[in-house]
Amino acid sequence: MNRRLRTHSRREFLQVTGLSWVIGQAGGVAVPALVFGEENSGPIDCGPPPKAAPQHRTGGESFPPLPLPVTPLRRTEKKRPPSPPALIGKMALGSVRWITRDGKRVMYRDWMTDPADVNTLLEWTNEKLGIHYRAVETDFAHFSFDPRELPALLFAGHNSFQLTDDVRAKLARYVMDGGTIIGDACCGWNDFAESFRREMELIFPGRPLRKMLPEEPVFSSYYKLGNFTYQKADGSRYDDAPCLESIDFGCRSGVIFSPADMTCGWDGHDHPRGLRLVIDLARQVGANLITYILGSYQLARFLSTTKVYYEAEAPTRDDFVFAQIMHEGDWDPDPSAVHNLLKFARDNSTLEVKFKRQNIRLTDPQAANYPLLYMTGHREFVWNNDEVAFLQRYLKAGGLLFADACCGRMSFDMGFRREIAKVFPDARLERIPLDHPIYHNLFDIQEVEYTPRVREDFGNINTPELEGISIDGRLAVIYSRFDLGNGWEQFPHPYSYGLKDDSALKIGTNVIVYAITH
């Protein structure tokens, strides 16, 4: 990599730690030891109710009963100011119970135990961030499940809960349409945590909740966060890795869950029970969540649309087909990226490029039939011995492997460098010089434009930084640590370390031309 690249605080912090708490020898996840509170379910009061809304009065005119005076009398009447837009809906959860409070029988449901949490957070973040949003209470019977009505839903409580199949299906559609679900185990209660994980597994089969990596934008969208400070039931505190978990949909996290309490911290109180984030940190995490939701909403809506490859079933003959490698990580984070790249390549060249992407595994014998194999992702992955052996044969026989780290994530970058070293133990990725034909076969590429995050952390660079491995003078591997697929999608990705649209499309097209002509 070019030595001119320089890093600043956050990227340097992540590189120094090497993501060591996340990445095991086989790409596994090392979970920090969290001690949850008691598992007894039952009524728990965590905080006072929200403050009453202020009374607003304004002067108005009215007419008294006849006979009318010469001048109308004035009276004071209530007038409600316009409500700010609703951002988060706190979802009603838990069965109805009745308890005695101050000598009175009152109804209790688990989600009511900290009634002012998200309202207090929004009051705090509205002031800190200079925004103006509100929270509302909602339930499954009356919610439209349209993210345009409420971009985010908060599930919080102590006790176990269970959803119906109908609600599960609607929540799945809600997230796929761009909504976000936030889960919080109030007081770190394990009953709620187990129920939330179980329900998310039923709603999104095959998409498990996974530990969020410290490089993910939710940890830097407003406050730059490192380790979390936790408080245990006895009041003692300790620092450890972040506990947040997520389910990803393309380049965004559609479900975010904290098994350690945040909501009490949002409301500014703690209790001698369970496990929680300290108050200041809980509010900082909450501000990051709100910033992330606001920054990702339009991208989420864009990702909810599906591109159709209308030539997918057409005979291919000798036409170029884009083959994308399926792997154990999130192998398809940019579902419309390849579609847009192929259209751009066809519109700007004489290539007979069909709108066809073939998804393939390296264990499939058909993989050897494609001149180019493309792969991307956010997280680590591991190739087994058979996959490594196939790639060795494929690349030595003239094939080309093209890869980029989606969103510029260091986790994929570390995984790719480790795995490609298994394929070529005696070679290493080296920066492709600017006079290489890869930059000049169709488009003459001398400079490129990077996203604001690249400029923020790496300085004002403007040269392409592709790396490669050559066999007998021919590039067999082309790799970009900066994202290309987000640029191919031609839609803003606010938290991406990558190339802007035009630069990404031109580099992608040049790679296709190189694969066909070499």
Protein backbone atom coordinates (compact mmCIF):
# COMPACT_ATOMS: atom_id res chain seq x y z
CA MET A 1 0.00 0.00 0.00
CA ASN A 2 1.18 3.48 -0.81
CA ARG A 3 3.12 4.93 2.10
CA ARG A 4 1.53 8.30 1.43
CA LEU A 5 -1.63 7.04 3.08
CA ARG A 6 -1.87 8.21 6.65
CA THR A 7 -4.31 7.37 9.43
CA HIS A 8 -5.86 9.40 12.18
CA SER A 9 -7.20 8.60 15.60
CA ARG A 10 -10.06 6.18 15.09
CA ARG A 11 -8.64 4.14 12.22
CA GLU A 12 -5.29 4.06 14.00
CA PHE A 13 -6.97 2.83 17.17
CA LEU A 14 -8.72 0.04 15.30
CA GLN A 15 -5.58 -0.95 13.42
CA VAL A 16 -3.52 -1.04 16.62
CA THR A 17 -6.06 -3.26 18.33
CA GLY A 18 -6.16 -5.34 15.16
CA LEU A 19 -9.78 -6.21 15.93
CA SER A 20 -8.19 -8.84 18.15
CA TRP A 21 -11.19 -9.16 20.41
CA VAL A 22 -13.36 -10.09 17.44
CA ILE A 23 -11.19 -12.22 15.23
CA GLY A 24 -10.12 -15.69 16.34
CA GLN A 25 -7.82 -18.10 14.64
CA ALA A 26 -10.60 -19.35 12.38
CA GLY A 27 -12.45 -16.08 11.97
CA GLY A 28 -14.68 -16.74 14.95
CA VAL A 29 -16.08 -14.23 17.39
CA ALA A 30 -14.75 -13.82 20.91
CA VAL A 31 -17.65 -12.62 23.05
CA PRO A 32 -16.80 -10.51 26.09
CA ALA A 33 -17.91 -12.09 29.35
CA LEU A 34 -21.16 -10.40 30.35
CA VAL A 35 -22.84 -11.20 33.64
CA PHE A 36 -26.57 -10.70 33.44
CA GLY A 37 -28.94 -9.98 36.30
CA GLU A 38 -31.36 -12.39 37.91
CA GLU A 39 -33.70 -14.18 35.55
CA ASN A 40 -36.83 -13.67 37.63
CA SER A 41 -39.61 -12.11 35.62
CA GLY A 42 -42.00 -9.70 37.19
CA PRO A 43 -43.01 -6.06 37.64
CA ILE A 44 -40.01 -3.75 37.94
CA ASP A 45 -40.19 0.03 38.14
CA CYS A 46 -37.16 1.54 36.46
CA GLY A 47 -38.05 5.19 36.23
CA PRO A 48 -40.70 7.85 36.59
CA PRO A 49 -43.19 8.59 33.82
CA PRO A 50 -42.37 11.24 31.23
CA LYS A 51 -42.85 14.88 32.18
CA ALA A 52 -46.23 16.31 31.33
CA ALA A 53 -46.26 18.30 28.13
CA PRO A 54 -46.17 22.07 28.77
CA GLN A 55 -49.41 23.99 28.39
CA HIS A 56 -49.26 26.52 25.56
CA ARG A 57 -51.77 29.37 25.54
CA THR A 58 -52.26 32.07 22.98
CA GLY A 59 -54.57 35.02 22.61
CA GLY A 60 -57.70 34.47 20.60
CA GLU A 61 -60.95 36.28 19.94
CA SER A 62 -64.47 35.19 20.80
CA PHE A 63 -67.91 36.70 21.00
CA PRO A 64 -69.98 36.66 24.19
CA PRO A 65 -73.69 35.95 24.18
CA LEU A 66 -75.96 38.61 22.75
CA PRO A 67 -76.26 41.52 22.98
CA LEU A 68 -72.87 42.03 21.22
CA PRO A 69 -70.60 44.80 22.46
CA VAL A 70 -68.91 47.13 20.04
CA THR A 71 -65.52 45.36 20.41
CA PRO A 72 -65.08 41.56 20.61
CA LEU A 73 -63.86 40.30 23.95
CA ARG A 74 -60.58 38.40 24.11
CA ARG A 75 -60.09 35.11 25.90
CA THR A 76 -57.10 32.82 26.39
CA GLU A 77 -57.31 29.39 24.80
CA LYS A 78 -54.99 26.41 24.49
CA LYS A 79 -53.20 26.06 21.20
CA ARG A 80 -50.94 23.10 20.48
CA PRO A 81 -47.74 23.84 18.51
CA PRO A 82 -46.93 21.62 15.53
CA SER A 83 -45.50 18.29 16.60
CA PRO A 84 -41.99 17.40 15.49
CA PRO A 85 -41.73 14.33 13.25
CA ALA A 86 -41.81 10.95 14.98
CA LEU A 87 -38.56 9.00 14.68
CA ILE A 88 -38.87 6.08 17.12
CA GLY A 89 -41.90 4.12 18.22
CA LYS A 90 -41.71 2.32 21.56
CA MET A 91 -43.50 -0.96 21.03
CA ALA A 92 -45.97 -2.28 23.61
CA LEU A 93 -44.76 -5.67 24.82
CA GLY A 94 -45.74 -8.12 27.54
CA SER A 95 -49.02 -9.48 28.82
CA VAL A 96 -51.35 -7.35 30.94
CA ARG A 97 -50.89 -7.71 34.69
CA TRP A 98 -52.38 -5.91 37.66
CA ILE A 99 -50.33 -4.69 40.59
CA THR A 100 -50.97 -2.59 43.69
CA ARG A 101 -49.15 0.74 43.71
CA ASP A 102 -49.69 3.35 46.44
CA GLY A 103 -52.76 1.43 47.56
CA LYS A 104 -54.32 1.41 44.09
CA ARG A 105 -54.75 -1.40 41.59
CA VAL A 106 -53.06 -0.39 38.35
CA MET A 107 -52.43 -2.14 35.05
CA TYR A 108 -48.85 -3.18 34.34
CA ARG A 109 -47.11 -4.30 31.14
CA ASP A 110 -43.40 -4.99 30.91
CA TRP A 111 -42.60 -2.28 28.36
CA MET A 112 -43.98 0.37 30.77
CA THR A 113 -41.29 -0.14 33.40
CA ASP A 114 -39.13 2.72 32.07
CA PRO A 115 -41.74 4.91 30.38
CA ALA A 116 -39.61 8.01 29.81
CA ASP A 117 -36.46 6.35 28.40
CA VAL A 118 -36.57 7.16 24.69
CA ASN A 119 -38.31 10.51 25.26
CA THR A 120 -35.51 11.59 27.58
CA LEU A 121 -32.90 10.37 25.09
CA LEU A 122 -34.47 12.37 22.28
CA GLU A 123 -34.64 15.49 24.46
CA TRP A 124 -30.92 15.06 25.13
CA THR A 125 -29.94 14.28 21.53
CA ASN A 126 -32.17 17.01 20.09
CA GLU A 127 -30.15 19.50 22.13
CA LYS A 128 -26.75 17.89 21.44
CA LEU A 129 -27.26 17.26 17.73
CA GLY A 130 -29.41 20.28 16.92
CA ILE A 131 -32.29 18.12 15.64
CA HIS A 132 -35.99 17.99 16.48
CA TYR A 133 -37.63 14.57 16.69
CA ARG A 134 -39.99 12.82 19.06
CA ALA A 135 -40.87 9.34 20.17
CA VAL A 136 -44.33 7.81 20.28
CA GLU A 137 -45.89 4.74 21.84
CA THR A 138 -47.32 2.15 19.48
CA ASP A 139 -48.56 -1.42 19.40
CA PHE A 140 -48.84 -4.20 16.86
CA ALA A 141 -52.61 -3.81 16.46
CA HIS A 142 -52.46 -0.19 15.31
CA PHE A 143 -49.04 0.22 13.68
CA SER A 144 -48.92 0.34 9.88
CA PHE A 145 -45.49 -1.41 9.72
CA ASP A 146 -44.45 1.30 7.27
CA PRO A 147 -41.00 2.80 7.98
CA ARG A 148 -42.17 6.06 6.46
CA GLU A 149 -44.46 6.41 9.48
CA LEU A 150 -41.82 5.38 12.04
CA PRO A 151 -38.24 4.75 10.84
CA ALA A 152 -37.31 2.86 14.04
CA LEU A 153 -39.01 0.68 16.65
CA LEU A 154 -37.75 0.16 20.21
CA PHE A 155 -38.30 -3.18 21.93
CA ALA A 156 -37.39 -2.92 25.62
CA GLY A 157 -38.31 -4.83 28.77
CA HIS A 158 -37.32 -7.40 31.38
CA ASN A 159 -39.62 -10.35 30.80
CA SER A 160 -40.01 -13.02 28.15
CA PHE A 161 -42.34 -12.23 25.27
CA GLN A 162 -43.64 -14.01 22.18
CA LEU A 163 -44.90 -12.64 18.89
CA THR A 164 -47.47 -14.09 16.52
CA ASP A 165 -46.57 -15.39 13.07
CA ASP A 166 -48.51 -12.51 11.52
CA VAL A 167 -46.54 -9.90 13.48
CA ARG A 168 -43.26 -11.64 12.64
CA ALA A 169 -44.05 -11.50 8.92
CA LYS A 170 -44.96 -7.81 9.14
CA LEU A 171 -41.79 -6.97 11.08
CA ALA A 172 -39.69 -8.79 8.48
CA ARG A 173 -41.30 -6.69 5.75
CA TYR A 174 -40.85 -3.53 7.85
CA VAL A 175 -37.09 -4.03 8.15
CA MET A 176 -36.68 -5.09 4.52
CA ASP A 177 -38.55 -1.91 3.52
CA GLY A 178 -35.99 0.20 5.40
CA GLY A 179 -37.10 0.20 9.04
CA THR A 180 -34.81 -0.42 12.02
CA ILE A 181 -35.53 -2.47 15.14
CA ILE A 182 -33.65 -1.53 18.33
CA GLY A 183 -33.70 -4.03 21.19
CA ASP A 184 -32.65 -3.33 24.78
CA ALA A 185 -32.66 -5.77 27.70
CA CYS A 186 -33.69 -3.38 30.47
CA CYS A 187 -31.47 -3.89 33.54
CA GLY A 188 -29.61 -6.51 31.49
CA TRP A 189 -32.41 -9.02 32.15
CA ASN A 190 -31.65 -12.36 30.53
CA ASP A 191 -35.32 -13.35 30.07
CA PHE A 192 -35.86 -10.49 27.65
CA ALA A 193 -32.51 -11.03 25.91
CA GLU A 194 -33.27 -14.68 25.20
CA SER A 195 -36.76 -13.83 23.91
CA PHE A 196 -35.48 -11.06 21.64
CA ARG A 197 -32.80 -13.28 20.12
CA ARG A 198 -35.30 -16.10 19.60
CA GLU A 199 -37.84 -13.81 17.92
CA MET A 200 -35.26 -12.25 15.60
CA GLU A 201 -34.14 -15.75 14.59
CA LEU A 202 -37.73 -16.63 13.72
CA ILE A 203 -38.29 -13.35 11.86
CA PHE A 204 -35.02 -13.52 9.91
CA PRO A 205 -34.08 -17.19 9.52
CA GLY A 206 -30.50 -17.66 8.42
CA ARG A 207 -29.53 -14.16 9.58
CA PRO A 208 -28.29 -14.55 13.17
CA LEU A 209 -27.55 -11.65 15.48
CA ARG A 210 -23.78 -11.15 15.46
CA LYS A 211 -21.42 -9.02 17.50
CA MET A 212 -20.96 -5.62 15.94
CA LEU A 213 -17.35 -4.91 15.03
CA PRO A 214 -15.69 -1.84 16.58
CA GLU A 215 -15.15 -0.38 13.09
CA GLU A 216 -18.88 -0.31 12.31
CA PRO A 217 -20.35 3.18 11.85
CA VAL A 218 -22.71 2.93 14.82
CA PHE A 219 -19.61 3.35 17.02
CA SER A 220 -18.49 6.52 15.26
CA SER A 221 -21.57 8.12 13.66
CA TYR A 222 -21.47 10.96 16.22
CA TYR A 223 -19.31 10.07 19.22
CA LYS A 224 -16.10 8.12 18.57
CA LEU A 225 -16.48 5.17 20.94
CA GLY A 226 -13.99 2.51 21.99
CA ASN A 227 -14.49 0.08 24.87
CA PHE A 228 -17.74 0.29 26.85
CA THR A 229 -17.92 0.94 30.60
CA TYR A 230 -20.30 -1.47 32.34
CA GLN A 231 -21.81 -1.32 35.80
CA LYS A 232 -22.68 -4.50 37.69
CA ALA A 233 -25.35 -5.09 40.32
CA ASP A 234 -22.94 -4.33 43.17
CA GLY A 235 -22.13 -0.93 41.68
CA SER A 236 -18.65 -1.90 40.49
CA ARG A 237 -17.55 -0.89 37.00
CA TYR A 238 -15.29 -2.38 34.37
CA ASP A 239 -14.31 -1.69 30.75
CA ASP A 240 -14.78 -4.27 28.02
CA ALA A 241 -15.53 -4.54 24.32
CA PRO A 242 -18.89 -3.23 23.02
CA CYS A 243 -21.77 -5.64 23.55
CA LEU A 244 -24.01 -4.52 20.68
CA GLU A 245 -25.28 -7.17 18.24
CA SER A 246 -26.84 -6.66 14.84
CA ILE A 247 -28.45 -8.23 11.81
CA ASP A 248 -27.22 -6.66 8.59
CA PHE A 249 -29.15 -6.06 5.39
CA GLY A 250 -26.84 -4.96 2.63
CA CYS A 251 -24.72 -2.08 3.90
CA ARG A 252 -26.83 -1.29 6.93
CA SER A 253 -27.76 -2.80 10.27
CA GLY A 254 -31.53 -3.32 10.32
CA VAL A 255 -31.65 -4.83 13.82
CA ILE A 256 -29.45 -3.58 16.68
CA PHE A 257 -29.59 -5.18 20.13
CA SER A 258 -27.95 -4.48 23.46
CA PRO A 259 -28.01 -7.28 26.07
CA ALA A 260 -26.73 -4.75 28.63
CA ASP A 261 -29.15 -2.03 29.73
CA MET A 262 -29.13 1.27 27.83
CA THR A 263 -32.65 2.59 28.45
CA CYS A 264 -32.16 3.30 32.17
CA GLY A 265 -29.07 5.27 31.24
CA TRP A 266 -31.06 7.21 28.65
CA ASP A 267 -33.41 8.23 31.46
CA GLY A 268 -30.51 9.11 33.77
CA HIS A 269 -30.85 6.54 36.54
CA ASP A 270 -29.38 3.19 37.60
CA HIS A 271 -30.33 0.40 39.99
CA PRO A 272 -28.48 -2.17 42.12
CA ARG A 273 -29.39 -5.01 39.77
CA GLY A 274 -28.45 -6.48 36.44
CA LEU A 275 -25.84 -5.20 34.01
CA ARG A 276 -25.93 -1.77 32.42
CA LEU A 277 -23.98 0.83 30.52
CA VAL A 278 -23.05 3.82 32.66
CA ILE A 279 -25.33 6.79 32.09
CA ASP A 280 -23.03 9.01 30.02
CA LEU A 281 -22.02 6.13 27.75
CA ALA A 282 -25.61 4.93 27.33
CA ARG A 283 -26.61 8.37 26.10
CA GLN A 284 -23.64 8.56 23.75
CA VAL A 285 -24.54 5.16 22.28
CA GLY A 286 -28.14 6.35 21.98
CA ALA A 287 -27.04 9.50 20.15
CA ASN A 288 -24.98 7.35 17.78
CA LEU A 289 -27.99 5.10 17.14
CA ILE A 290 -30.18 8.08 16.31
CA THR A 291 -27.50 9.59 14.06
CA TYR A 292 -27.01 6.23 12.34
CA ILE A 293 -30.75 5.78 11.74
CA LEU A 294 -31.05 9.29 10.29
CA GLY A 295 -27.96 8.83 8.12
CA SER A 296 -28.97 5.41 6.84
CA TYR A 297 -32.70 5.88 6.28
CA GLN A 298 -32.55 6.89 2.61
CA LEU A 299 -30.01 4.14 1.91
CA ALA A 300 -32.30 1.67 3.66
CA ARG A 301 -35.20 2.70 1.44
CA PHE A 302 -32.98 2.39 -1.64
CA LEU A 303 -31.81 -1.09 -0.63
CA SER A 304 -35.44 -2.19 -0.20
CA THR A 305 -35.87 -2.17 -3.99
CA THR A 306 -34.73 -5.26 -5.90
CA LYS A 307 -33.01 -5.03 -9.25
CA VAL A 308 -34.20 -7.63 -11.74
CA TYR A 309 -31.62 -9.15 -14.08
CA TYR A 310 -33.96 -9.42 -17.05
CA GLU A 311 -31.41 -11.35 -19.13
CA ALA A 312 -30.65 -13.83 -16.36
CA GLU A 313 -32.23 -16.71 -18.25
CA ALA A 314 -30.95 -15.75 -21.68
CA PRO A 315 -28.42 -18.05 -23.41
CA THR A 316 -24.93 -16.76 -22.73
CA ARG A 317 -22.95 -18.22 -25.68
CA ASP A 318 -19.66 -16.30 -25.64
CA ASP A 319 -21.04 -13.25 -23.83
CA PHE A 320 -19.46 -12.06 -20.60
CA VAL A 321 -21.24 -13.20 -17.43
CA PHE A 322 -20.31 -11.66 -14.09
CA ALA A 323 -19.75 -14.45 -11.53
CA GLN A 324 -19.91 -13.52 -7.85
CA ILE A 325 -18.46 -15.78 -5.16
CA MET A 326 -20.76 -16.90 -2.36
CA HIS A 327 -18.95 -17.32 0.96
CA GLU A 328 -19.71 -17.69 4.65
CA GLY A 329 -19.70 -13.95 5.28
CA ASP A 330 -22.17 -11.36 4.01
CA TRP A 331 -21.23 -12.05 0.42
CA ASP A 332 -23.92 -9.87 -1.25
CA PRO A 333 -24.11 -6.54 0.62
CA ASP A 334 -24.73 -4.46 -2.54
CA PRO A 335 -27.49 -6.34 -4.39
CA SER A 336 -27.85 -3.81 -7.24
CA ALA A 337 -24.15 -2.98 -7.66
CA VAL A 338 -23.28 -5.54 -10.35
CA HIS A 339 -26.44 -4.71 -12.31
CA ASN A 340 -25.42 -1.06 -12.51
CA LEU A 341 -21.80 -1.87 -13.36
CA LEU A 342 -22.77 -4.17 -16.25
CA LYS A 343 -25.17 -1.56 -17.63
CA PHE A 344 -22.45 1.10 -17.42
CA ALA A 345 -19.91 -1.20 -19.12
CA ARG A 346 -22.31 -2.00 -21.94
CA ASP A 347 -23.35 1.62 -22.46
CA ASN A 348 -19.76 2.88 -22.55
CA SER A 349 -17.99 0.20 -24.58
CA THR A 350 -18.46 -2.29 -27.40
CA LEU A 351 -18.65 -5.16 -24.92
CA GLU A 352 -21.50 -7.64 -25.33
CA VAL A 353 -22.29 -7.64 -21.63
CA LYS A 354 -25.53 -9.25 -20.57
CA PHE A 355 -27.44 -8.29 -17.46
CA LYS A 356 -26.53 -11.51 -15.76
CA ARG A 357 -24.81 -12.22 -12.50
CA GLN A 358 -24.09 -15.83 -11.69
CA ASN A 359 -23.78 -16.55 -7.97
CA ILE A 360 -21.33 -19.40 -7.49
CA ARG A 361 -19.42 -21.25 -4.81
CA LEU A 362 -15.79 -22.14 -5.24
CA THR A 363 -16.70 -25.80 -4.71
CA ASP A 364 -18.93 -25.72 -7.81
CA PRO A 365 -17.13 -27.20 -10.87
CA GLN A 366 -18.86 -24.59 -13.05
CA ALA A 367 -16.80 -21.83 -11.38
CA ALA A 368 -13.89 -22.68 -13.66
CA ASN A 369 -15.92 -21.62 -16.73
CA TYR A 370 -15.92 -17.90 -15.91
CA PRO A 371 -13.04 -15.59 -16.86
CA LEU A 372 -13.61 -13.42 -13.76
CA LEU A 373 -14.73 -14.21 -10.23
CA TYR A 374 -15.78 -11.31 -8.02
CA MET A 375 -16.18 -11.23 -4.26
CA THR A 376 -16.93 -8.66 -1.55
CA GLY A 377 -18.24 -8.44 2.01
CA HIS A 378 -17.93 -6.67 5.36
CA ARG A 379 -16.76 -9.46 7.62
CA GLU A 380 -14.14 -12.12 7.76
CA PHE A 381 -14.41 -15.38 5.85
CA VAL A 382 -12.34 -18.57 5.64
CA TRP A 383 -11.58 -20.71 2.59
CA ASN A 384 -11.25 -24.44 3.18
CA ASN A 385 -8.54 -26.57 1.59
CA ASP A 386 -10.69 -27.49 -1.42
CA GLU A 387 -11.48 -23.82 -2.13
CA VAL A 388 -7.82 -22.84 -1.83
CA ALA A 389 -6.80 -25.66 -4.20
CA PHE A 390 -9.46 -24.64 -6.73
CA LEU A 391 -8.33 -21.02 -6.73
CA GLN A 392 -4.72 -22.08 -7.24
CA ARG A 393 -5.69 -24.09 -10.34
CA TYR A 394 -8.16 -21.46 -11.61
CA LEU A 395 -5.80 -18.50 -11.34
CA LYS A 396 -2.78 -20.33 -12.76
CA ALA A 397 -4.94 -21.41 -15.72
CA GLY A 398 -5.73 -17.80 -16.63
CA GLY A 399 -8.65 -16.84 -14.41
CA LEU A 400 -8.95 -13.50 -12.61
CA LEU A 401 -10.08 -12.91 -9.02
CA PHE A 402 -11.47 -9.40 -8.40
CA ALA A 403 -12.32 -8.36 -4.82
CA ASP A 404 -13.11 -5.27 -2.79
CA ALA A 405 -13.82 -4.62 0.89
CA CYS A 406 -17.42 -3.43 1.09
CA CYS A 407 -17.59 -0.06 2.86
CA GLY A 408 -13.81 -0.34 3.23
CA ARG A 409 -14.23 -2.60 6.28
CA MET A 410 -10.99 -3.72 7.88
CA SER A 411 -12.48 -7.07 8.90
CA PHE A 412 -12.91 -8.19 5.28
CA ASP A 413 -9.56 -6.63 4.39
CA MET A 414 -7.77 -8.67 7.06
CA GLY A 415 -9.60 -11.83 6.06
CA PHE A 416 -8.89 -11.43 2.35
CA ARG A 417 -5.18 -10.80 2.90
CA ARG A 418 -4.91 -13.85 5.13
CA GLU A 419 -6.84 -16.16 2.79
CA ILE A 420 -5.14 -15.07 -0.45
CA ALA A 421 -1.82 -15.80 1.27
CA LYS A 422 -2.99 -19.44 1.50
CA VAL A 423 -3.49 -19.46 -2.27
CA PHE A 424 -0.14 -17.81 -3.03
CA PRO A 425 2.13 -18.39 -0.03
CA ASP A 426 5.17 -17.16 -1.97
CA ALA A 427 3.55 -13.95 -3.31
CA ARG A 428 1.99 -10.91 -1.74
CA LEU A 429 -0.45 -8.21 -2.73
CA GLU A 430 1.41 -5.23 -4.14
CA ARG A 431 0.20 -1.82 -5.27
CA ILE A 432 -0.54 -1.78 -9.01
CA PRO A 433 1.51 1.04 -10.59
CA LEU A 434 -0.31 3.87 -12.32
CA ASP A 435 1.16 2.98 -15.74
CA HIS A 436 -0.36 -0.52 -15.69
CA PRO A 437 -2.81 -1.31 -18.55
CA ILE A 438 -5.59 -1.89 -15.99
CA TYR A 439 -5.85 1.90 -15.71
CA HIS A 440 -5.70 2.65 -19.44
CA ASN A 441 -7.45 -0.06 -21.49
CA LEU A 442 -10.82 1.71 -21.90
CA PHE A 443 -10.86 4.66 -19.57
CA ASP A 444 -7.64 6.55 -18.93
CA ILE A 445 -7.60 6.69 -15.14
CA GLN A 446 -4.97 8.90 -13.58
CA GLU A 447 -6.96 10.22 -10.65
CA VAL A 448 -10.05 9.06 -8.75
CA GLU A 449 -12.43 10.62 -6.24
CA TYR A 450 -12.88 9.12 -2.78
CA THR A 451 -15.74 9.45 -0.30
CA PRO A 452 -15.52 12.02 2.53
CA ARG A 453 -14.65 9.33 5.09
CA VAL A 454 -11.54 8.35 3.13
CA ARG A 455 -10.39 11.95 2.98
CA GLU A 456 -11.13 12.35 6.69
CA ASP A 457 -8.96 9.41 7.76
CA PHE A 458 -6.39 9.07 4.95
CA GLY A 459 -5.89 12.64 3.87
CA ASN A 460 -6.49 14.21 0.48
CA ILE A 461 -5.50 11.27 -1.74
CA ASN A 462 -6.67 11.15 -5.36
CA THR A 463 -4.80 8.25 -6.97
CA PRO A 464 -6.20 4.71 -7.47
CA GLU A 465 -4.84 2.30 -4.87
CA LEU A 466 -5.58 -1.13 -6.37
CA GLU A 467 -3.37 -4.02 -5.28
CA GLY A 468 -2.65 -7.20 -7.19
CA ILE A 469 -0.77 -10.47 -7.61
CA SER A 470 0.67 -11.31 -11.03
CA ILE A 471 1.46 -14.65 -12.65
CA ASP A 472 3.87 -14.52 -15.59
CA GLY A 473 3.21 -10.81 -16.08
CA ARG A 474 -0.59 -11.19 -16.02
CA LEU A 475 -2.70 -9.94 -13.13
CA ALA A 476 -4.36 -12.92 -11.47
CA VAL A 477 -5.71 -11.06 -8.42
CA ILE A 478 -7.01 -7.48 -8.29
CA TYR A 479 -8.02 -6.14 -4.89
CA SER A 480 -9.27 -2.81 -3.56
CA ARG A 481 -9.24 -2.13 0.17
CA PHE A 482 -11.50 0.84 -0.61
CA ASP A 483 -15.09 0.04 -1.54
CA LEU A 484 -16.14 -0.11 -5.19
CA GLY A 485 -19.59 -1.75 -4.96
CA ASN A 486 -21.19 1.18 -3.12
CA GLY A 487 -20.11 3.41 -5.98
CA TRP A 488 -21.51 0.97 -8.52
CA GLU A 489 -24.89 1.24 -6.79
CA GLN A 490 -24.87 5.00 -7.52
CA PHE A 491 -26.56 5.89 -4.26
CA PRO A 492 -24.99 7.68 -1.28
CA HIS A 493 -23.58 5.37 1.41
CA PRO A 494 -22.89 7.84 4.23
CA TYR A 495 -20.48 5.63 6.19
CA SER A 496 -18.44 4.13 3.36
CA TYR A 497 -14.68 4.25 2.88
CA GLY A 498 -14.70 3.97 -0.88
CA LEU A 499 -14.61 5.53 -4.32
CA LYS A 500 -17.29 7.84 -5.62
CA ASP A 501 -19.68 6.61 -8.31
CA ASP A 502 -17.92 7.67 -11.51
CA SER A 503 -14.48 6.52 -10.37
CA ALA A 504 -15.78 3.18 -9.10
CA LEU A 505 -17.69 2.47 -12.33
CA LYS A 506 -14.71 3.29 -14.55
CA ILE A 507 -12.35 1.07 -12.54
CA GLY A 508 -14.89 -1.77 -12.55
CA THR A 509 -15.35 -1.49 -16.31
CA ASN A 510 -11.58 -1.46 -16.91
CA VAL A 511 -11.27 -4.64 -14.85
CA ILE A 512 -13.95 -6.34 -16.98
CA VAL A 513 -12.15 -5.28 -20.18
CA TYR A 514 -8.86 -6.58 -18.77
CA ALA A 515 -10.46 -9.92 -17.87
CA ILE A 516 -11.86 -10.35 -21.39
CA THR A 517 -8.71 -9.28 -23.24
CA HIS A 518 -6.22 -11.19 -21.07
